[in-house]
């Protein structure tokens, strides 16, 4: 599999999941095992176990491992970037929006209401 394809597979997974690495596991299974046949079911189980015991986020570790298997160092970099780039882009868009909206009266009022909820949580 090419580096570009690895990037796109992992970018799709990262873009469609919310909640961290464990939320990515079902999509990893469907994309890596069922759809693209990059891993067997046994290899996938080993991947999840290995990603859990190595330091770092499970999604990033999984992407790096699969990328390294299928594309060497360039594949590992491409897959790792695929997991990171969608989150980075969404975070930058939200930051730009909040920076522009920070002076808006409606946002200040909303934040006054959110503060007690955050304390309660």
N, C-alpha and C. Protein backbone atom coordinates (compact mmCIF):
# COMPACT_ATOMS: atom_id res chain seq x y z
N UNK A 1 0.85 -1.18 0.00
CA UNK A 1 0.00 0.00 0.00
C UNK A 1 0.89 1.24 0.00
N UNK A 2 0.52 2.23 -0.79
CA UNK A 2 1.33 3.43 -0.90
C UNK A 2 1.21 4.31 0.35
N UNK A 3 2.15 5.20 0.51
CA UNK A 3 2.13 6.11 1.66
C UNK A 3 0.90 7.00 1.63
N UNK A 4 0.52 7.46 0.45
CA UNK A 4 -0.67 8.29 0.33
C UNK A 4 -1.93 7.54 0.73
N UNK A 5 -2.01 6.28 0.34
CA UNK A 5 -3.17 5.47 0.72
C UNK A 5 -3.20 5.22 2.22
N UNK A 6 -2.05 4.96 2.82
CA UNK A 6 -1.97 4.79 4.27
C UNK A 6 -2.43 6.06 4.98
N UNK A 7 -1.94 7.20 4.49
CA UNK A 7 -2.35 8.47 5.08
C UNK A 7 -3.86 8.62 5.03
N UNK A 8 -4.46 8.35 3.88
CA UNK A 8 -5.90 8.53 3.72
C UNK A 8 -6.72 7.57 4.59
N UNK A 9 -6.28 6.33 4.71
CA UNK A 9 -6.99 5.37 5.55
C UNK A 9 -7.01 5.85 7.00
N UNK A 10 -5.87 6.26 7.50
CA UNK A 10 -5.80 6.68 8.90
C UNK A 10 -6.40 8.07 9.12
N UNK A 11 -6.35 8.93 8.13
CA UNK A 11 -7.02 10.24 8.24
C UNK A 11 -8.53 10.04 8.31
N UNK A 12 -9.05 9.12 7.53
CA UNK A 12 -10.48 8.82 7.56
C UNK A 12 -10.89 8.31 8.94
N UNK A 13 -10.10 7.40 9.49
CA UNK A 13 -10.40 6.87 10.83
C UNK A 13 -10.38 7.99 11.86
N UNK A 14 -9.36 8.84 11.80
CA UNK A 14 -9.23 9.92 12.77
C UNK A 14 -10.35 10.94 12.64
N UNK A 15 -10.77 11.20 11.42
CA UNK A 15 -11.81 12.19 11.18
C UNK A 15 -13.18 11.69 11.63
N UNK A 16 -13.41 10.40 11.56
CA UNK A 16 -14.73 9.85 11.87
C UNK A 16 -14.90 9.39 13.31
N UNK A 17 -13.86 9.50 14.11
CA UNK A 17 -13.98 9.05 15.51
C UNK A 17 -13.87 10.24 16.46
N UNK A 18 -14.53 10.10 17.57
CA UNK A 18 -14.49 11.11 18.62
C UNK A 18 -14.41 10.37 19.94
N UNK A 19 -13.40 10.67 20.74
CA UNK A 19 -13.30 10.04 22.04
C UNK A 19 -11.97 9.36 22.30
N UNK A 20 -11.02 9.51 21.41
CA UNK A 20 -9.70 8.96 21.67
C UNK A 20 -9.44 7.64 20.98
N UNK A 21 -8.34 7.02 21.36
CA UNK A 21 -7.86 5.81 20.70
C UNK A 21 -8.79 4.62 20.80
N UNK A 22 -9.44 4.44 21.95
CA UNK A 22 -10.32 3.29 22.09
C UNK A 22 -11.56 3.42 21.22
N UNK A 23 -11.95 4.64 20.90
CA UNK A 23 -13.07 4.83 19.98
C UNK A 23 -12.65 4.47 18.55
N UNK A 24 -11.35 4.49 18.27
CA UNK A 24 -10.85 4.17 16.94
C UNK A 24 -10.78 2.67 16.68
N UNK A 25 -10.74 1.86 17.71
CA UNK A 25 -10.51 0.43 17.55
C UNK A 25 -11.53 -0.23 16.62
N UNK A 26 -12.83 0.01 16.75
CA UNK A 26 -13.76 -0.63 15.80
C UNK A 26 -13.53 -0.20 14.35
N UNK A 27 -13.19 1.07 14.13
CA UNK A 27 -12.89 1.49 12.77
C UNK A 27 -11.57 0.91 12.28
N UNK A 28 -10.59 0.77 13.16
CA UNK A 28 -9.36 0.09 12.78
C UNK A 28 -9.68 -1.31 12.27
N UNK A 29 -10.53 -2.01 13.01
CA UNK A 29 -10.88 -3.38 12.64
C UNK A 29 -11.57 -3.41 11.29
N UNK A 30 -12.55 -2.53 11.09
CA UNK A 30 -13.28 -2.57 9.82
C UNK A 30 -12.42 -2.13 8.64
N UNK A 31 -11.57 -1.14 8.84
CA UNK A 31 -10.74 -0.65 7.73
C UNK A 31 -9.52 -1.53 7.48
N UNK A 32 -8.81 -1.90 8.53
CA UNK A 32 -7.55 -2.61 8.37
C UNK A 32 -7.71 -4.10 8.11
N UNK A 33 -8.74 -4.70 8.70
CA UNK A 33 -8.94 -6.14 8.55
C UNK A 33 -9.96 -6.43 7.46
N UNK A 34 -11.15 -5.86 7.58
CA UNK A 34 -12.24 -6.22 6.66
C UNK A 34 -12.12 -5.54 5.30
N UNK A 35 -11.89 -4.25 5.28
CA UNK A 35 -11.96 -3.52 4.01
C UNK A 35 -10.67 -3.60 3.19
N UNK A 36 -9.53 -3.32 3.81
CA UNK A 36 -8.27 -3.26 3.06
C UNK A 36 -7.40 -4.50 3.22
N UNK A 37 -7.77 -5.40 4.12
CA UNK A 37 -7.02 -6.64 4.37
C UNK A 37 -5.53 -6.37 4.63
N UNK A 38 -5.26 -5.33 5.39
CA UNK A 38 -3.87 -5.04 5.76
C UNK A 38 -3.39 -5.94 6.88
N UNK A 39 -4.33 -6.43 7.70
CA UNK A 39 -4.01 -7.30 8.82
C UNK A 39 -4.99 -8.45 8.87
N UNK A 40 -4.53 -9.60 9.37
CA UNK A 40 -5.45 -10.69 9.67
C UNK A 40 -6.09 -10.41 11.03
N UNK A 41 -7.10 -11.17 11.38
CA UNK A 41 -7.76 -10.98 12.68
C UNK A 41 -6.78 -11.21 13.82
N UNK A 42 -5.92 -12.21 13.69
CA UNK A 42 -4.92 -12.48 14.74
C UNK A 42 -3.91 -11.34 14.82
N UNK A 43 -3.46 -10.85 13.67
CA UNK A 43 -2.52 -9.72 13.68
C UNK A 43 -3.16 -8.47 14.27
N UNK A 44 -4.46 -8.29 14.02
CA UNK A 44 -5.16 -7.14 14.59
C UNK A 44 -5.20 -7.25 16.11
N UNK A 45 -5.48 -8.42 16.64
CA UNK A 45 -5.50 -8.62 18.10
C UNK A 45 -4.11 -8.33 18.68
N UNK A 46 -3.07 -8.78 17.99
CA UNK A 46 -1.71 -8.49 18.44
C UNK A 46 -1.41 -7.00 18.38
N UNK A 47 -1.90 -6.33 17.34
CA UNK A 47 -1.71 -4.89 17.19
C UNK A 47 -2.31 -4.14 18.37
N UNK A 48 -3.54 -4.46 18.73
CA UNK A 48 -4.20 -3.77 19.84
C UNK A 48 -3.45 -4.02 21.14
N UNK A 49 -3.03 -5.24 21.38
CA UNK A 49 -2.26 -5.54 22.58
C UNK A 49 -0.95 -4.79 22.62
N UNK A 50 -0.25 -4.76 21.51
CA UNK A 50 1.03 -4.05 21.44
C UNK A 50 0.84 -2.54 21.60
N UNK A 51 -0.20 -2.00 20.98
CA UNK A 51 -0.45 -0.56 21.07
C UNK A 51 -0.81 -0.14 22.49
N UNK A 52 -1.42 -1.06 23.25
CA UNK A 52 -1.79 -0.73 24.63
C UNK A 52 -0.59 -0.73 25.57
N UNK A 53 0.36 -1.59 25.33
CA UNK A 53 1.48 -1.69 26.26
C UNK A 53 2.63 -0.75 25.94
N UNK A 54 2.65 -0.17 24.75
CA UNK A 54 3.71 0.78 24.43
C UNK A 54 3.27 2.18 24.85
N UNK A 55 4.22 3.01 25.26
CA UNK A 55 3.85 4.36 25.69
C UNK A 55 3.29 5.17 24.52
N UNK A 56 2.28 5.97 24.82
CA UNK A 56 1.70 6.84 23.81
C UNK A 56 0.26 6.46 23.51
N UNK A 57 -0.40 7.30 22.72
CA UNK A 57 -1.81 7.05 22.39
C UNK A 57 -1.97 5.80 21.53
N UNK A 58 -3.03 5.04 21.78
CA UNK A 58 -3.25 3.78 21.08
C UNK A 58 -3.46 4.00 19.58
N UNK A 59 -4.14 5.06 19.20
CA UNK A 59 -4.36 5.33 17.78
C UNK A 59 -3.06 5.64 17.05
N UNK A 60 -2.23 6.44 17.67
CA UNK A 60 -0.94 6.80 17.08
C UNK A 60 -0.03 5.58 16.99
N UNK A 61 0.03 4.80 18.06
CA UNK A 61 0.87 3.60 18.07
C UNK A 61 0.42 2.61 17.01
N UNK A 62 -0.89 2.43 16.88
CA UNK A 62 -1.42 1.50 15.89
C UNK A 62 -1.09 1.96 14.48
N UNK A 63 -1.27 3.24 14.22
CA UNK A 63 -0.99 3.78 12.89
C UNK A 63 0.49 3.63 12.55
N UNK A 64 1.34 3.93 13.49
CA UNK A 64 2.78 3.82 13.25
C UNK A 64 3.18 2.38 12.95
N UNK A 65 2.63 1.44 13.70
CA UNK A 65 2.94 0.02 13.52
C UNK A 65 2.49 -0.48 12.15
N UNK A 66 1.23 -0.19 11.80
CA UNK A 66 0.70 -0.66 10.51
C UNK A 66 1.44 0.03 9.36
N UNK A 67 1.70 1.32 9.50
CA UNK A 67 2.44 2.02 8.47
C UNK A 67 3.84 1.46 8.28
N UNK A 68 4.50 1.10 9.37
CA UNK A 68 5.85 0.54 9.28
C UNK A 68 5.84 -0.83 8.62
N UNK A 69 4.81 -1.62 8.89
CA UNK A 69 4.71 -2.95 8.28
C UNK A 69 4.51 -2.83 6.76
N UNK A 70 3.65 -1.91 6.35
CA UNK A 70 3.26 -1.84 4.94
C UNK A 70 4.01 -0.80 4.12
N UNK A 71 4.82 0.04 4.75
CA UNK A 71 5.52 1.06 3.97
C UNK A 71 6.86 1.45 4.54
N UNK A 72 7.35 0.69 5.51
CA UNK A 72 8.63 1.05 6.11
C UNK A 72 8.54 2.37 6.87
N UNK A 73 9.66 3.05 6.97
CA UNK A 73 9.68 4.34 7.68
C UNK A 73 8.77 5.38 7.03
N UNK A 74 8.79 5.52 5.69
CA UNK A 74 7.86 6.49 5.08
C UNK A 74 6.39 6.15 5.34
N UNK A 75 6.07 4.87 5.34
CA UNK A 75 4.70 4.45 5.64
C UNK A 75 4.31 4.74 7.07
N UNK A 76 5.24 4.54 8.00
CA UNK A 76 4.97 4.84 9.41
C UNK A 76 4.72 6.33 9.60
N UNK A 77 5.51 7.15 8.93
CA UNK A 77 5.33 8.60 9.03
C UNK A 77 3.99 9.01 8.42
N UNK A 78 3.67 8.46 7.25
CA UNK A 78 2.41 8.80 6.57
C UNK A 78 1.20 8.39 7.40
N UNK A 79 1.20 7.19 7.93
CA UNK A 79 0.07 6.72 8.74
C UNK A 79 -0.05 7.53 10.03
N UNK A 80 1.08 7.84 10.64
CA UNK A 80 1.06 8.63 11.88
C UNK A 80 0.52 10.04 11.62
N UNK A 81 0.95 10.63 10.51
CA UNK A 81 0.41 11.95 10.16
C UNK A 81 -1.07 11.87 9.83
N UNK A 82 -1.48 10.77 9.23
CA UNK A 82 -2.90 10.58 8.93
C UNK A 82 -3.76 10.60 10.17
N UNK A 83 -3.25 10.07 11.27
CA UNK A 83 -4.00 10.07 12.52
C UNK A 83 -3.99 11.45 13.17
N UNK A 84 -2.93 12.21 12.97
CA UNK A 84 -2.79 13.49 13.67
C UNK A 84 -3.39 14.68 12.92
N UNK A 85 -3.26 14.73 11.61
CA UNK A 85 -3.63 15.91 10.84
C UNK A 85 -5.10 16.30 10.96
N UNK A 86 -6.06 15.37 10.87
CA UNK A 86 -7.47 15.80 11.00
C UNK A 86 -7.76 16.49 12.33
N UNK A 87 -7.23 15.97 13.42
CA UNK A 87 -7.45 16.59 14.72
C UNK A 87 -6.80 17.97 14.80
N UNK A 88 -5.64 18.09 14.22
CA UNK A 88 -4.95 19.38 14.20
C UNK A 88 -5.76 20.41 13.42
N UNK A 89 -6.27 20.02 12.27
CA UNK A 89 -7.05 20.95 11.45
C UNK A 89 -8.33 21.37 12.16
N UNK A 90 -9.05 20.42 12.74
CA UNK A 90 -10.28 20.75 13.46
C UNK A 90 -9.97 21.67 14.64
N UNK A 91 -8.89 21.39 15.37
CA UNK A 91 -8.51 22.24 16.51
C UNK A 91 -8.18 23.66 16.06
N UNK A 92 -7.49 23.79 14.95
CA UNK A 92 -7.15 25.12 14.44
C UNK A 92 -8.41 25.88 14.00
N UNK A 93 -9.34 25.20 13.37
CA UNK A 93 -10.59 25.85 12.96
C UNK A 93 -11.36 26.33 14.18
N UNK A 94 -11.45 25.48 15.21
CA UNK A 94 -12.16 25.87 16.43
C UNK A 94 -11.45 27.04 17.11
N UNK A 95 -10.12 27.02 17.14
CA UNK A 95 -9.36 28.11 17.76
C UNK A 95 -9.60 29.43 17.03
N UNK A 96 -9.62 29.39 15.70
CA UNK A 96 -9.87 30.61 14.92
C UNK A 96 -11.27 31.12 15.21
N UNK A 97 -12.25 30.22 15.24
CA UNK A 97 -13.63 30.61 15.53
C UNK A 97 -13.74 31.23 16.92
N UNK A 98 -13.15 30.59 17.93
CA UNK A 98 -13.24 31.11 19.29
C UNK A 98 -12.51 32.43 19.45
N UNK A 99 -11.42 32.58 18.74
CA UNK A 99 -10.68 33.85 18.82
C UNK A 99 -11.52 35.00 18.26
N UNK A 100 -12.22 34.73 17.15
CA UNK A 100 -13.07 35.76 16.55
C UNK A 100 -14.33 36.00 17.39
N UNK A 101 -14.83 34.96 18.02
CA UNK A 101 -16.08 35.08 18.77
C UNK A 101 -15.87 35.46 20.23
N UNK A 102 -14.63 35.56 20.68
CA UNK A 102 -14.34 35.79 22.10
C UNK A 102 -14.94 37.10 22.61
N UNK A 103 -15.10 38.07 21.75
CA UNK A 103 -15.63 39.36 22.18
C UNK A 103 -17.15 39.44 22.07
N UNK A 104 -17.77 38.41 21.55
CA UNK A 104 -19.22 38.44 21.36
C UNK A 104 -19.94 38.29 22.70
N UNK A 105 -20.97 39.08 22.88
CA UNK A 105 -21.73 39.07 24.13
C UNK A 105 -22.39 37.71 24.36
N UNK A 106 -22.92 37.09 23.30
CA UNK A 106 -23.60 35.81 23.47
C UNK A 106 -22.65 34.73 23.95
N UNK A 107 -21.37 34.78 23.53
CA UNK A 107 -20.41 33.78 23.96
C UNK A 107 -20.03 34.00 25.43
N UNK A 108 -19.89 35.26 25.83
CA UNK A 108 -19.58 35.54 27.23
C UNK A 108 -20.71 35.04 28.13
N UNK A 109 -21.95 35.26 27.71
CA UNK A 109 -23.10 34.78 28.48
C UNK A 109 -23.11 33.25 28.53
N UNK A 110 -22.83 32.61 27.41
CA UNK A 110 -22.79 31.15 27.36
C UNK A 110 -21.72 30.61 28.31
N UNK A 111 -20.56 31.23 28.30
CA UNK A 111 -19.47 30.76 29.17
C UNK A 111 -19.79 30.94 30.64
N UNK A 112 -20.54 31.98 30.98
CA UNK A 112 -20.96 32.16 32.38
C UNK A 112 -21.86 31.01 32.81
N UNK A 113 -22.67 30.51 31.89
CA UNK A 113 -23.54 29.38 32.20
C UNK A 113 -22.82 28.05 32.22
N UNK A 114 -21.75 27.93 31.45
CA UNK A 114 -21.01 26.68 31.34
C UNK A 114 -20.10 26.47 32.56
N UNK A 115 -19.58 27.55 33.12
CA UNK A 115 -18.64 27.44 34.25
C UNK A 115 -19.17 26.59 35.40
N UNK A 116 -20.39 26.84 35.89
CA UNK A 116 -20.88 26.00 36.99
C UNK A 116 -21.02 24.52 36.59
N UNK A 117 -21.36 24.29 35.34
CA UNK A 117 -21.47 22.90 34.86
C UNK A 117 -20.12 22.21 34.88
N UNK A 118 -19.09 22.93 34.47
CA UNK A 118 -17.73 22.35 34.46
C UNK A 118 -17.29 22.05 35.89
N UNK A 119 -17.58 22.94 36.81
CA UNK A 119 -17.22 22.71 38.20
C UNK A 119 -17.95 21.47 38.73
N UNK A 120 -19.23 21.35 38.35
CA UNK A 120 -20.02 20.19 38.79
C UNK A 120 -19.49 18.87 38.23
N UNK A 121 -19.02 18.92 37.02
CA UNK A 121 -18.51 17.69 36.41
C UNK A 121 -17.18 17.32 37.04
